[in-house]
């Protein structure tokens, strides 16, 4: 979700797989779960080979904003914690 929240355009399976270093099986399962709960849109194109693109749904964009804020907060607070302990 975090990787997709940083994009304005759809992403293909292999491009996403390369960007997050994950096995195909695990990525397939996670994408299916995210589509099932409505966080992602899946669009399959009638081409050979089959082309599938994933994009954030409106529900997913809301979650992406929350995750982005959370990662920013973690980054700021983890850096501050390390500085205080040194």
PDB file of N, CA and C in Angstrom:
ATOM      1  N   UNK A   1       0.825  -1.190   0.000  1.00  0.00           N
ATOM      2  CA  UNK A   1       0.000   0.000   0.000  1.00  0.00           C
ATOM      3  C   UNK A   1       0.867   1.251   0.000  1.00  0.00           C
ATOM      4  N   UNK A   2       1.913   1.223   0.816  1.00  0.00           N
ATOM      5  CA  UNK A   2       2.757   2.417   0.914  1.00  0.00           C
ATOM      6  C   UNK A   2       3.400   2.734  -0.438  1.00  0.00           C
ATOM      7  N   UNK A   3       3.872   1.709  -1.132  1.00  0.00           N
ATOM      8  CA  UNK A   3       4.479   1.916  -2.448  1.00  0.00           C
ATOM      9  C   UNK A   3       3.462   2.492  -3.427  1.00  0.00           C
ATOM     10  N   UNK A   4       2.263   1.982  -3.412  1.00  0.00           N
ATOM     11  CA  UNK A   4       1.222   2.484  -4.311  1.00  0.00           C
ATOM     12  C   UNK A   4       0.762   3.881  -3.929  1.00  0.00           C
ATOM     13  N   UNK A   5       0.824   4.211  -2.646  1.00  0.00           N
ATOM     14  CA  UNK A   5       0.364   5.541  -2.221  1.00  0.00           C
ATOM     15  C   UNK A   5       1.279   6.645  -2.731  1.00  0.00           C
ATOM     16  N   UNK A   6       2.501   6.293  -3.113  1.00  0.00           N
ATOM     17  CA  UNK A   6       3.447   7.282  -3.626  1.00  0.00           C
ATOM     18  C   UNK A   6       3.320   7.486  -5.136  1.00  0.00           C
ATOM     19  N   UNK A   7       2.379   6.763  -5.767  1.00  0.00           N
ATOM     20  CA  UNK A   7       2.213   6.819  -7.224  1.00  0.00           C
ATOM     21  C   UNK A   7       0.854   7.386  -7.590  1.00  0.00           C
ATOM     22  N   UNK A   8       0.818   8.080  -8.708  1.00  0.00           N
ATOM     23  CA  UNK A   8      -0.452   8.565  -9.243  1.00  0.00           C
ATOM     24  C   UNK A   8      -0.945   7.693 -10.393  1.00  0.00           C
ATOM     25  N   UNK A   9      -0.104   6.780 -10.826  1.00  0.00           N
ATOM     26  CA  UNK A   9      -0.447   5.941 -11.970  1.00  0.00           C
ATOM     27  C   UNK A   9      -0.507   4.474 -11.550  1.00  0.00           C
ATOM     28  N   UNK A  10      -1.248   3.655 -12.291  1.00  0.00           N
ATOM     29  CA  UNK A  10      -1.307   2.220 -11.984  1.00  0.00           C
ATOM     30  C   UNK A  10       0.069   1.576 -12.116  1.00  0.00           C
ATOM     31  N   UNK A  11       0.214   0.424 -11.474  1.00  0.00           N
ATOM     32  CA  UNK A  11       1.483  -0.298 -11.521  1.00  0.00           C
ATOM     33  C   UNK A  11       1.208  -1.746 -11.902  1.00  0.00           C
ATOM     34  N   UNK A  12       2.110  -2.317 -12.670  1.00  0.00           N
ATOM     35  CA  UNK A  12       1.982  -3.712 -13.080  1.00  0.00           C
ATOM     36  C   UNK A  12       2.629  -4.616 -12.045  1.00  0.00           C
ATOM     37  N   UNK A  13       2.211  -5.876 -12.056  1.00  0.00           N
ATOM     38  CA  UNK A  13       2.643  -6.851 -11.060  1.00  0.00           C
ATOM     39  C   UNK A  13       4.163  -6.923 -10.938  1.00  0.00           C
ATOM     40  N   UNK A  14       4.859  -7.155 -12.054  1.00  0.00           N
ATOM     41  CA  UNK A  14       6.313  -7.333 -11.990  1.00  0.00           C
ATOM     42  C   UNK A  14       7.040  -6.063 -11.563  1.00  0.00           C
ATOM     43  N   UNK A  15       6.523  -4.921 -11.955  1.00  0.00           N
ATOM     44  CA  UNK A  15       7.127  -3.657 -11.530  1.00  0.00           C
ATOM     45  C   UNK A  15       7.006  -3.501 -10.014  1.00  0.00           C
ATOM     46  N   UNK A  16       5.846  -3.835  -9.486  1.00  0.00           N
ATOM     47  CA  UNK A  16       5.636  -3.770  -8.043  1.00  0.00           C
ATOM     48  C   UNK A  16       6.512  -4.790  -7.329  1.00  0.00           C
ATOM     49  N   UNK A  17       6.591  -5.987  -7.878  1.00  0.00           N
ATOM     50  CA  UNK A  17       7.411  -7.051  -7.288  1.00  0.00           C
ATOM     51  C   UNK A  17       8.872  -6.623  -7.181  1.00  0.00           C
ATOM     52  N   UNK A  18       9.399  -6.035  -8.234  1.00  0.00           N
ATOM     53  CA  UNK A  18      10.795  -5.579  -8.218  1.00  0.00           C
ATOM     54  C   UNK A  18      11.012  -4.442  -7.219  1.00  0.00           C
ATOM     55  N   UNK A  19      10.026  -3.585  -7.081  1.00  0.00           N
ATOM     56  CA  UNK A  19      10.216  -2.410  -6.226  1.00  0.00           C
ATOM     57  C   UNK A  19      10.178  -2.737  -4.741  1.00  0.00           C
ATOM     58  N   UNK A  20       9.559  -3.854  -4.363  1.00  0.00           N
ATOM     59  CA  UNK A  20       9.481  -4.168  -2.934  1.00  0.00           C
ATOM     60  C   UNK A  20      10.163  -5.477  -2.562  1.00  0.00           C
ATOM     61  N   UNK A  21      10.797  -6.161  -3.522  1.00  0.00           N
ATOM     62  CA  UNK A  21      11.563  -7.366  -3.242  1.00  0.00           C
ATOM     63  C   UNK A  21      10.743  -8.384  -2.446  1.00  0.00           C
ATOM     64  N   UNK A  22       9.780  -9.000  -3.113  1.00  0.00           N
ATOM     65  CA  UNK A  22       8.857  -9.949  -2.496  1.00  0.00           C
ATOM     66  C   UNK A  22       8.660 -11.111  -3.456  1.00  0.00           C
ATOM     67  N   UNK A  23       8.318 -12.281  -2.939  1.00  0.00           N
ATOM     68  CA  UNK A  23       8.076 -13.413  -3.831  1.00  0.00           C
ATOM     69  C   UNK A  23       6.761 -13.212  -4.578  1.00  0.00           C
ATOM     70  N   UNK A  24       6.662 -13.836  -5.730  1.00  0.00           N
ATOM     71  CA  UNK A  24       5.444 -13.728  -6.542  1.00  0.00           C
ATOM     72  C   UNK A  24       4.223 -14.259  -5.802  1.00  0.00           C
ATOM     73  N   UNK A  25       4.394 -15.379  -5.109  1.00  0.00           N
ATOM     74  CA  UNK A  25       3.275 -15.978  -4.378  1.00  0.00           C
ATOM     75  C   UNK A  25       2.763 -15.051  -3.291  1.00  0.00           C
ATOM     76  N   UNK A  26       3.672 -14.502  -2.509  1.00  0.00           N
ATOM     77  CA  UNK A  26       3.278 -13.607  -1.424  1.00  0.00           C
ATOM     78  C   UNK A  26       2.628 -12.348  -1.968  1.00  0.00           C
ATOM     79  N   UNK A  27       3.205 -11.773  -3.011  1.00  0.00           N
ATOM     80  CA  UNK A  27       2.633 -10.568  -3.598  1.00  0.00           C
ATOM     81  C   UNK A  27       1.242 -10.850  -4.163  1.00  0.00           C
ATOM     82  N   UNK A  28       1.072 -11.964  -4.844  1.00  0.00           N
ATOM     83  CA  UNK A  28      -0.239 -12.325  -5.394  1.00  0.00           C
ATOM     84  C   UNK A  28      -1.290 -12.402  -4.299  1.00  0.00           C
ATOM     85  N   UNK A  29      -0.939 -13.040  -3.202  1.00  0.00           N
ATOM     86  CA  UNK A  29      -1.879 -13.163  -2.079  1.00  0.00           C
ATOM     87  C   UNK A  29      -2.228 -11.800  -1.494  1.00  0.00           C
ATOM     88  N   UNK A  30      -1.222 -10.976  -1.268  1.00  0.00           N
ATOM     89  CA  UNK A  30      -1.458  -9.652  -0.670  1.00  0.00           C
ATOM     90  C   UNK A  30      -2.304  -8.773  -1.589  1.00  0.00           C
ATOM     91  N   UNK A  31      -1.999  -8.796  -2.874  1.00  0.00           N
ATOM     92  CA  UNK A  31      -2.778  -7.999  -3.818  1.00  0.00           C
ATOM     93  C   UNK A  31      -4.229  -8.467  -3.855  1.00  0.00           C
ATOM     94  N   UNK A  32      -4.429  -9.773  -3.866  1.00  0.00           N
ATOM     95  CA  UNK A  32      -5.787 -10.312  -3.873  1.00  0.00           C
ATOM     96  C   UNK A  32      -6.553  -9.872  -2.624  1.00  0.00           C
ATOM     97  N   UNK A  33      -5.894  -9.915  -1.469  1.00  0.00           N
ATOM     98  CA  UNK A  33      -6.532  -9.484  -0.221  1.00  0.00           C
ATOM     99  C   UNK A  33      -6.893  -8.003  -0.277  1.00  0.00           C
ATOM    100  N   UNK A  34      -5.983  -7.183  -0.788  1.00  0.00           N
ATOM    101  CA  UNK A  34      -6.226  -5.738  -0.857  1.00  0.00           C
ATOM    102  C   UNK A  34      -7.334  -5.392  -1.856  1.00  0.00           C
ATOM    103  N   UNK A  35      -7.423  -6.159  -2.938  1.00  0.00           N
ATOM    104  CA  UNK A  35      -8.520  -5.971  -3.895  1.00  0.00           C
ATOM    105  C   UNK A  35      -9.841  -6.395  -3.244  1.00  0.00           C
ATOM    106  N   UNK A  36      -9.823  -7.540  -2.544  1.00  0.00           N
ATOM    107  CA  UNK A  36     -11.041  -8.064  -1.915  1.00  0.00           C
ATOM    108  C   UNK A  36     -11.637  -7.104  -0.890  1.00  0.00           C
ATOM    109  N   UNK A  37     -10.791  -6.408  -0.133  1.00  0.00           N
ATOM    110  CA  UNK A  37     -11.307  -5.482   0.891  1.00  0.00           C
ATOM    111  C   UNK A  37     -11.544  -4.083   0.337  1.00  0.00           C
ATOM    112  N   UNK A  38     -11.210  -3.876  -0.931  1.00  0.00           N
ATOM    113  CA  UNK A  38     -11.533  -2.613  -1.577  1.00  0.00           C
ATOM    114  C   UNK A  38     -10.477  -1.528  -1.501  1.00  0.00           C
ATOM    115  N   UNK A  39      -9.246  -1.875  -1.114  1.00  0.00           N
ATOM    116  CA  UNK A  39      -8.177  -0.881  -1.057  1.00  0.00           C
ATOM    117  C   UNK A  39      -7.502  -0.678  -2.409  1.00  0.00           C
ATOM    118  N   UNK A  40      -7.574  -1.697  -3.274  1.00  0.00           N
ATOM    119  CA  UNK A  40      -6.959  -1.618  -4.598  1.00  0.00           C
ATOM    120  C   UNK A  40      -7.972  -1.937  -5.682  1.00  0.00           C
ATOM    121  N   UNK A  41      -7.730  -1.361  -6.852  1.00  0.00           N
ATOM    122  CA  UNK A  41      -8.454  -1.723  -8.070  1.00  0.00           C
ATOM    123  C   UNK A  41      -7.535  -2.607  -8.898  1.00  0.00           C
ATOM    124  N   UNK A  42      -8.105  -3.630  -9.516  1.00  0.00           N
ATOM    125  CA  UNK A  42      -7.354  -4.518 -10.403  1.00  0.00           C
ATOM    126  C   UNK A  42      -7.996  -4.429 -11.779  1.00  0.00           C
ATOM    127  N   UNK A  43      -7.172  -4.122 -12.779  1.00  0.00           N
ATOM    128  CA  UNK A  43      -7.677  -4.050 -14.145  1.00  0.00           C
ATOM    129  C   UNK A  43      -6.865  -4.991 -15.024  1.00  0.00           C
ATOM    130  N   UNK A  44      -7.546  -5.978 -15.602  1.00  0.00           N
ATOM    131  CA  UNK A  44      -6.906  -6.935 -16.505  1.00  0.00           C
ATOM    132  C   UNK A  44      -7.242  -6.547 -17.938  1.00  0.00           C
ATOM    133  N   UNK A  45      -6.234  -6.568 -18.794  1.00  0.00           N
ATOM    134  CA  UNK A  45      -6.396  -6.207 -20.197  1.00  0.00           C
ATOM    135  C   UNK A  45      -6.347  -7.470 -21.049  1.00  0.00           C
ATOM    136  N   UNK A  46      -7.223  -7.546 -22.029  1.00  0.00           N
ATOM    137  CA  UNK A  46      -7.298  -8.715 -22.914  1.00  0.00           C
ATOM    138  C   UNK A  46      -6.175  -8.648 -23.938  1.00  0.00           C
ATOM    139  N   UNK A  47      -4.981  -8.940 -23.470  1.00  0.00           N
ATOM    140  CA  UNK A  47      -3.791  -8.920 -24.324  1.00  0.00           C
ATOM    141  C   UNK A  47      -3.021 -10.212 -24.111  1.00  0.00           C
ATOM    142  N   UNK A  48      -2.143 -10.515 -25.034  1.00  0.00           N
ATOM    143  CA  UNK A  48      -1.233 -11.643 -24.874  1.00  0.00           C
ATOM    144  C   UNK A  48       0.169 -11.092 -24.928  1.00  0.00           C
ATOM    145  N   UNK A  49       0.951 -11.250 -23.854  1.00  0.00           N
ATOM    146  CA  UNK A  49       0.555 -11.857 -22.582  1.00  0.00           C
ATOM    147  C   UNK A  49      -0.410 -10.954 -21.809  1.00  0.00           C
ATOM    148  N   UNK A  50      -1.115 -11.569 -20.876  1.00  0.00           N
ATOM    149  CA  UNK A  50      -2.085 -10.841 -20.064  1.00  0.00           C
ATOM    150  C   UNK A  50      -1.395  -9.703 -19.322  1.00  0.00           C
ATOM    151  N   UNK A  51      -2.011  -8.542 -19.361  1.00  0.00           N
ATOM    152  CA  UNK A  51      -1.483  -7.383 -18.631  1.00  0.00           C
ATOM    153  C   UNK A  51      -2.483  -7.029 -17.542  1.00  0.00           C
ATOM    154  N   UNK A  52      -1.972  -6.917 -16.304  1.00  0.00           N
ATOM    155  CA  UNK A  52      -2.804  -6.559 -15.161  1.00  0.00           C
ATOM    156  C   UNK A  52      -2.168  -5.365 -14.477  1.00  0.00           C
ATOM    157  N   UNK A  53      -2.987  -4.371 -14.174  1.00  0.00           N
ATOM    158  CA  UNK A  53      -2.501  -3.183 -13.469  1.00  0.00           C
ATOM    159  C   UNK A  53      -3.287  -3.006 -12.178  1.00  0.00           C
ATOM    160  N   UNK A  54      -2.583  -2.501 -11.172  1.00  0.00           N
ATOM    161  CA  UNK A  54      -3.187  -2.239  -9.868  1.00  0.00           C
ATOM    162  C   UNK A  54      -3.084  -0.753  -9.571  1.00  0.00           C
ATOM    163  N   UNK A  55      -4.141  -0.230  -8.989  1.00  0.00           N
ATOM    164  CA  UNK A  55      -4.143   1.168  -8.572  1.00  0.00           C
ATOM    165  C   UNK A  55      -4.933   1.275  -7.276  1.00  0.00           C
ATOM    166  N   UNK A  56      -4.721   2.368  -6.576  1.00  0.00           N
ATOM    167  CA  UNK A  56      -5.441   2.572  -5.326  1.00  0.00           C
ATOM    168  C   UNK A  56      -6.882   2.983  -5.592  1.00  0.00           C
ATOM    169  N   UNK A  57      -7.790   2.419  -4.837  1.00  0.00           N
ATOM    170  CA  UNK A  57      -9.181   2.869  -4.864  1.00  0.00           C
ATOM    171  C   UNK A  57      -9.272   4.118  -3.981  1.00  0.00           C
ATOM    172  N   UNK A  58     -10.421   4.741  -3.942  1.00  0.00           N
ATOM    173  CA  UNK A  58     -10.597   5.899  -3.054  1.00  0.00           C
ATOM    174  C   UNK A  58     -10.381   5.487  -1.603  1.00  0.00           C
ATOM    175  N   UNK A  59     -10.884   4.317  -1.252  1.00  0.00           N
ATOM    176  CA  UNK A  59     -10.692   3.784   0.101  1.00  0.00           C
ATOM    177  C   UNK A  59      -9.199   3.577   0.367  1.00  0.00           C
ATOM    178  N   UNK A  60      -8.485   3.064  -0.613  1.00  0.00           N
ATOM    179  CA  UNK A  60      -7.049   2.843  -0.484  1.00  0.00           C
ATOM    180  C   UNK A  60      -6.267   4.138  -0.372  1.00  0.00           C
ATOM    181  N   UNK A  61      -6.711   5.176  -1.077  1.00  0.00           N
ATOM    182  CA  UNK A  61      -6.034   6.475  -0.987  1.00  0.00           C
ATOM    183  C   UNK A  61      -6.143   7.036   0.420  1.00  0.00           C
ATOM    184  N   UNK A  62      -7.293   6.844   1.059  1.00  0.00           N
ATOM    185  CA  UNK A  62      -7.455   7.289   2.443  1.00  0.00           C
ATOM    186  C   UNK A  62      -6.501   6.561   3.370  1.00  0.00           C
ATOM    187  N   UNK A  63      -6.381   5.247   3.178  1.00  0.00           N
ATOM    188  CA  UNK A  63      -5.447   4.466   3.986  1.00  0.00           C
ATOM    189  C   UNK A  63      -4.009   4.847   3.662  1.00  0.00           C
ATOM    190  N   UNK A  64      -3.721   5.107   2.393  1.00  0.00           N
ATOM    191  CA  UNK A  64      -2.369   5.506   1.996  1.00  0.00           C
ATOM    192  C   UNK A  64      -1.925   6.776   2.692  1.00  0.00           C
ATOM    193  N   UNK A  65      -2.832   7.727   2.831  1.00  0.00           N
ATOM    194  CA  UNK A  65      -2.519   8.978   3.538  1.00  0.00           C
ATOM    195  C   UNK A  65      -2.189   8.695   5.000  1.00  0.00           C
ATOM    196  N   UNK A  66      -2.981   7.839   5.627  1.00  0.00           N
ATOM    197  CA  UNK A  66      -2.738   7.479   7.027  1.00  0.00           C
ATOM    198  C   UNK A  66      -1.385   6.790   7.166  1.00  0.00           C
ATOM    199  N   UNK A  67      -1.084   5.850   6.272  1.00  0.00           N
ATOM    200  CA  UNK A  67       0.197   5.145   6.334  1.00  0.00           C
ATOM    201  C   UNK A  67       1.365   6.092   6.109  1.00  0.00           C
ATOM    202  N   UNK A  68       1.218   7.015   5.176  1.00  0.00           N
ATOM    203  CA  UNK A  68       2.272   7.993   4.915  1.00  0.00           C
ATOM    204  C   UNK A  68       2.543   8.838   6.153  1.00  0.00           C
ATOM    205  N   UNK A  69       1.475   9.296   6.792  1.00  0.00           N
ATOM    206  CA  UNK A  69       1.629  10.072   8.026  1.00  0.00           C
ATOM    207  C   UNK A  69       2.288   9.234   9.116  1.00  0.00           C
ATOM    208  N   UNK A  70       1.899   7.970   9.222  1.00  0.00           N
ATOM    209  CA  UNK A  70       2.477   7.080  10.227  1.00  0.00           C
ATOM    210  C   UNK A  70       3.966   6.875   9.979  1.00  0.00           C
ATOM    211  N   UNK A  71       4.352   6.618   8.733  1.00  0.00           N
ATOM    212  CA  UNK A  71       5.765   6.425   8.422  1.00  0.00           C
ATOM    213  C   UNK A  71       6.574   7.693   8.692  1.00  0.00           C
ATOM    214  N   UNK A  72       6.006   8.847   8.392  1.00  0.00           N
ATOM    215  CA  UNK A  72       6.688  10.116   8.689  1.00  0.00           C
ATOM    216  C   UNK A  72       6.876  10.278  10.188  1.00  0.00           C
ATOM    217  N   UNK A  73       5.827  10.007  10.942  1.00  0.00           N
ATOM    218  CA  UNK A  73       5.901  10.108  12.405  1.00  0.00           C
ATOM    219  C   UNK A  73       6.951   9.157  12.960  1.00  0.00           C
ATOM    220  N   UNK A  74       6.962   7.922  12.459  1.00  0.00           N
ATOM    221  CA  UNK A  74       7.934   6.934  12.928  1.00  0.00           C
ATOM    222  C   UNK A  74       9.351   7.388  12.619  1.00  0.00           C
ATOM    223  N   UNK A  75       9.556   7.907  11.422  1.00  0.00           N
ATOM    224  CA  UNK A  75      10.881   8.361  11.025  1.00  0.00           C
ATOM    225  C   UNK A  75      11.371   9.487  11.930  1.00  0.00           C
ATOM    226  N   UNK A  76      10.510  10.450  12.191  1.00  0.00           N
ATOM    227  CA  UNK A  76      10.883  11.571  13.057  1.00  0.00           C
ATOM    228  C   UNK A  76      11.153  11.113  14.479  1.00  0.00           C
ATOM    229  N   UNK A  77      10.305  10.266  15.004  1.00  0.00           N
ATOM    230  CA  UNK A  77      10.439   9.845  16.390  1.00  0.00           C
ATOM    231  C   UNK A  77      11.561   8.845  16.596  1.00  0.00           C
ATOM    232  N   UNK A  78      11.796   7.973  15.646  1.00  0.00           N
ATOM    233  CA  UNK A  78      12.903   7.031  15.774  1.00  0.00           C
ATOM    234  C   UNK A  78      14.230   7.766  15.705  1.00  0.00           C
ATOM    235  N   UNK A  79      14.337   8.747  14.813  1.00  0.00           N
ATOM    236  CA  UNK A  79      15.564   9.536  14.718  1.00  0.00           C
ATOM    237  C   UNK A  79      15.803  10.325  15.994  1.00  0.00           C
ATOM    238  N   UNK A  80      14.756  10.878  16.584  1.00  0.00           N
ATOM    239  CA  UNK A  80      14.895  11.640  17.820  1.00  0.00           C
ATOM    240  C   UNK A  80      15.278  10.729  18.972  1.00  0.00           C
ATOM    241  N   UNK A  81      14.738   9.521  19.014  1.00  0.00           N
ATOM    242  CA  UNK A  81      15.066   8.581  20.080  1.00  0.00           C
ATOM    243  C   UNK A  81      16.527   8.185  20.018  1.00  0.00           C
ATOM    244  N   UNK A  82      17.046   7.964  18.812  1.00  0.00           N
ATOM    245  CA  UNK A  82      18.445   7.587  18.655  1.00  0.00           C
ATOM    246  C   UNK A  82      19.361   8.729  19.056  1.00  0.00           C
ATOM    247  N   UNK A  83      18.988   9.967  18.735  1.00  0.00           N
ATOM    248  CA  UNK A  83      19.808  11.120  19.095  1.00  0.00           C
ATOM    249  C   UNK A  83      19.868  11.297  20.602  1.00  0.00           C
ATOM    250  N   UNK A  84      18.760  11.088  21.295  1.00  0.00           N
ATOM    251  CA  UNK A  84      18.714  11.253  22.742  1.00  0.00           C
ATOM    252  C   UNK A  84      19.532  10.192  23.453  1.00  0.00           C
ATOM    253  N   UNK A  85      19.578   8.973  22.903  1.00  0.00           N
ATOM    254  CA  UNK A  85      20.299   7.898  23.574  1.00  0.00           C
ATOM    255  C   UNK A  85      21.797   7.962  23.326  1.00  0.00           C
ATOM    256  N   UNK A  86      22.248   8.771  22.382  1.00  0.00           N
ATOM    257  CA  UNK A  86      23.686   8.886  22.085  1.00  0.00           C
ATOM    258  C   UNK A  86      24.324   9.951  22.882  1.00  0.00           C
TER     259      UNK A  86
END
